[in-house]
Amino acid sequence: KIFCFYFLFLQYVSGIIFRRLIQQDPKSKVLSIIGISQYVLSELLNYIYLNKFGVMTFECTQELYHGAHKLRIKGAQQTCYEFLNDNINVKNCFSLYKYAK
C-alpha cells in the first residue's frame, strides 16, 4: 500500500533514518519502509497528525511500539508504553515478556 507522506511526517522521522530511506533510490518518489506493517504505519501517521491512535489492544500496541521505536517517534513510544503499563495483567504478561526478549 502506498501512503502519501507530508512534511509533518518527515519532521517526526529522525534525519538519519530518513537519509537511509532516501539512499535506497534517490530518484524515486517512493520510499520502502521495511519491517513495519501497513497497519502500524497507518496508525503512526494517525498519531502524528491527530496525536492519538485508533483502537488500541494489548497485542497491536506491542507492534505499534516497535514501529514507533524503529522510526524514533518518541511521543508514540511513550503512549504505547503507558498503555502497555496500564493494561498488563496475569493473562498477557507472558506475551509482553516474549516481545521484550
C-alpha atoms as a PDB file:
ATOM      1  CA  LYS A   1       0.000   0.000   0.000  1.00  0.00           C
ATOM      2  CA  ILE A   2       1.271   3.483  -0.791  1.00  0.00           C
ATOM      3  CA  PHE A   3       0.879   6.332   1.694  1.00  0.00           C
ATOM      4  CA  CYS A   4       1.382   9.995   0.936  1.00  0.00           C
ATOM      5  CA  PHE A   5       3.973  11.445   3.288  1.00  0.00           C
ATOM      6  CA  TYR A   6       3.969  15.119   4.032  1.00  0.00           C
ATOM      7  CA  PHE A   7       6.365  17.459   5.746  1.00  0.00           C
ATOM      8  CA  LEU A   8       4.924  16.801   9.209  1.00  0.00           C
ATOM      9  CA  PHE A   9       5.796  13.118   8.905  1.00  0.00           C
ATOM     10  CA  LEU A  10       9.319  13.946   7.807  1.00  0.00           C
ATOM     11  CA  GLN A  11       9.732  16.196  10.841  1.00  0.00           C
ATOM     12  CA  TYR A  12       8.932  13.251  13.132  1.00  0.00           C
ATOM     13  CA  VAL A  13      11.231  10.745  11.479  1.00  0.00           C
ATOM     14  CA  SER A  14      14.842  11.103  12.542  1.00  0.00           C
ATOM     15  CA  GLY A  15      17.086  12.660   9.906  1.00  0.00           C
ATOM     16  CA  ILE A  16      19.461   9.682   9.985  1.00  0.00           C
ATOM     17  CA  ILE A  17      16.641   7.214   9.323  1.00  0.00           C
ATOM     18  CA  PHE A  18      15.187   9.399   6.581  1.00  0.00           C
ATOM     19  CA  ARG A  19      18.576   9.717   4.858  1.00  0.00           C
ATOM     20  CA  ARG A  20      18.932   5.931   4.977  1.00  0.00           C
ATOM     21  CA  LEU A  21      15.489   5.555   3.389  1.00  0.00           C
ATOM     22  CA  ILE A  22      16.295   8.102   0.687  1.00  0.00           C
ATOM     23  CA  GLN A  23      19.546   6.321  -0.164  1.00  0.00           C
ATOM     24  CA  GLN A  24      17.541   3.351  -1.416  1.00  0.00           C
ATOM     25  CA  ASP A  25      16.946   5.189  -4.687  1.00  0.00           C
ATOM     26  CA  PRO A  26      17.486   8.963  -4.630  1.00  0.00           C
ATOM     27  CA  LYS A  27      15.477   9.496  -7.843  1.00  0.00           C
ATOM     28  CA  SER A  28      12.455   7.534  -6.706  1.00  0.00           C
ATOM     29  CA  LYS A  29       9.487   9.313  -5.171  1.00  0.00           C
ATOM     30  CA  VAL A  30       8.521   6.113  -3.381  1.00  0.00           C
ATOM     31  CA  LEU A  31      10.160   5.069  -0.109  1.00  0.00           C
ATOM     32  CA  SER A  32      10.077   1.473   1.057  1.00  0.00           C
ATOM     33  CA  ILE A  33       9.841   1.094   4.801  1.00  0.00           C
ATOM     34  CA  ILE A  34      10.757  -2.485   5.602  1.00  0.00           C
ATOM     35  CA  GLY A  35       9.764  -4.188   8.823  1.00  0.00           C
ATOM     36  CA  ILE A  36       6.667  -2.121   9.554  1.00  0.00           C
ATOM     37  CA  SER A  37       3.219  -3.378   8.591  1.00  0.00           C
ATOM     38  CA  GLN A  38       0.666  -1.288   6.726  1.00  0.00           C
ATOM     39  CA  TYR A  39      -1.496  -1.223   9.837  1.00  0.00           C
ATOM     40  CA  VAL A  40       1.329   0.090  12.048  1.00  0.00           C
ATOM     41  CA  LEU A  41       2.415   2.703   9.519  1.00  0.00           C
ATOM     42  CA  SER A  42      -1.161   3.874   9.106  1.00  0.00           C
ATOM     43  CA  GLU A  43      -1.612   4.138  12.876  1.00  0.00           C
ATOM     44  CA  LEU A  44       1.686   6.020  13.269  1.00  0.00           C
ATOM     45  CA  LEU A  45       0.579   8.510  10.625  1.00  0.00           C
ATOM     46  CA  ASN A  46      -2.703   8.947  12.508  1.00  0.00           C
ATOM     47  CA  TYR A  47      -0.720   9.535  15.685  1.00  0.00           C
ATOM     48  CA  ILE A  48       1.483  12.150  14.015  1.00  0.00           C
ATOM     49  CA  TYR A  49      -1.460  14.072  12.568  1.00  0.00           C
ATOM     50  CA  LEU A  50      -4.068  13.531  15.301  1.00  0.00           C
ATOM     51  CA  ASN A  51      -1.871  12.883  18.359  1.00  0.00           C
ATOM     52  CA  LYS A  52      -3.745   9.653  19.078  1.00  0.00           C
ATOM     53  CA  PHE A  53      -4.022   6.066  17.920  1.00  0.00           C
ATOM     54  CA  GLY A  54      -7.208   4.336  16.789  1.00  0.00           C
ATOM     55  CA  VAL A  55      -8.429   1.360  18.783  1.00  0.00           C
ATOM     56  CA  MET A  56      -5.580   0.037  20.921  1.00  0.00           C
ATOM     57  CA  THR A  57      -5.351  -3.563  22.071  1.00  0.00           C
ATOM     58  CA  PHE A  58      -2.526  -5.063  24.075  1.00  0.00           C
ATOM     59  CA  GLU A  59      -1.278  -7.121  21.107  1.00  0.00           C
ATOM     60  CA  CYS A  60      -1.387  -4.360  18.489  1.00  0.00           C
ATOM     61  CA  THR A  61       0.214  -1.869  20.870  1.00  0.00           C
ATOM     62  CA  GLN A  62       3.311  -4.058  21.010  1.00  0.00           C
ATOM     63  CA  GLU A  63       3.584  -3.745  17.211  1.00  0.00           C
ATOM     64  CA  LEU A  64       2.917  -0.012  17.385  1.00  0.00           C
ATOM     65  CA  TYR A  65       5.688   0.388  19.941  1.00  0.00           C
ATOM     66  CA  HIS A  66       8.099  -1.491  17.681  1.00  0.00           C
ATOM     67  CA  GLY A  67       7.235   0.750  14.708  1.00  0.00           C
ATOM     68  CA  ALA A  68       7.477   3.935  16.785  1.00  0.00           C
ATOM     69  CA  HIS A  69      10.831   2.780  18.123  1.00  0.00           C
ATOM     70  CA  LYS A  70      12.125   1.956  14.636  1.00  0.00           C
ATOM     71  CA  LEU A  71      11.099   5.388  13.319  1.00  0.00           C
ATOM     72  CA  ARG A  72      12.077   7.108  16.587  1.00  0.00           C
ATOM     73  CA  ILE A  73       8.707   8.705  17.211  1.00  0.00           C
ATOM     74  CA  LYS A  74       9.122   9.393  20.938  1.00  0.00           C
ATOM     75  CA  GLY A  75       5.561  10.540  21.672  1.00  0.00           C
ATOM     76  CA  ALA A  76       4.098   7.399  20.109  1.00  0.00           C
ATOM     77  CA  GLN A  77       6.577   5.239  22.024  1.00  0.00           C
ATOM     78  CA  GLN A  78       5.528   6.897  25.278  1.00  0.00           C
ATOM     79  CA  THR A  79       1.822   6.474  24.512  1.00  0.00           C
ATOM     80  CA  CYS A  80       2.351   2.767  23.770  1.00  0.00           C
ATOM     81  CA  TYR A  81       4.468   2.301  26.895  1.00  0.00           C
ATOM     82  CA  GLU A  82       1.795   3.909  29.077  1.00  0.00           C
ATOM     83  CA  PHE A  83      -0.954   1.780  27.506  1.00  0.00           C
ATOM     84  CA  LEU A  84       1.030  -1.434  27.980  1.00  0.00           C
ATOM     85  CA  ASN A  85       1.946  -0.482  31.542  1.00  0.00           C
ATOM     86  CA  ASP A  86      -1.672   0.349  32.428  1.00  0.00           C
ATOM     87  CA  ASN A  87      -3.091  -2.817  30.841  1.00  0.00           C
ATOM     88  CA  ILE A  88      -0.657  -5.551  31.808  1.00  0.00           C
ATOM     89  CA  ASN A  89      -2.198  -8.446  33.730  1.00  0.00           C
ATOM     90  CA  VAL A  90      -1.648 -12.111  34.501  1.00  0.00           C
ATOM     91  CA  LYS A  91      -3.115 -13.228  31.159  1.00  0.00           C
ATOM     92  CA  ASN A  92      -0.941 -11.044  28.901  1.00  0.00           C
ATOM     93  CA  CYS A  93       2.305 -10.576  30.859  1.00  0.00           C
ATOM     94  CA  PHE A  94       3.990 -13.528  29.128  1.00  0.00           C
ATOM     95  CA  SER A  95       3.306 -12.144  25.652  1.00  0.00           C
ATOM     96  CA  LEU A  96       4.952  -8.887  26.730  1.00  0.00           C
ATOM     97  CA  TYR A  97       7.867 -10.836  28.184  1.00  0.00           C
ATOM     98  CA  LYS A  98       8.328 -12.726  24.882  1.00  0.00           C
ATOM     99  CA  TYR A  99       8.121  -9.463  22.961  1.00  0.00           C
ATOM    100  CA  ALA A 100      10.715  -7.823  25.210  1.00  0.00           C
ATOM    101  CA  LYS A 101      13.198 -10.628  24.529  1.00  0.00           C
END
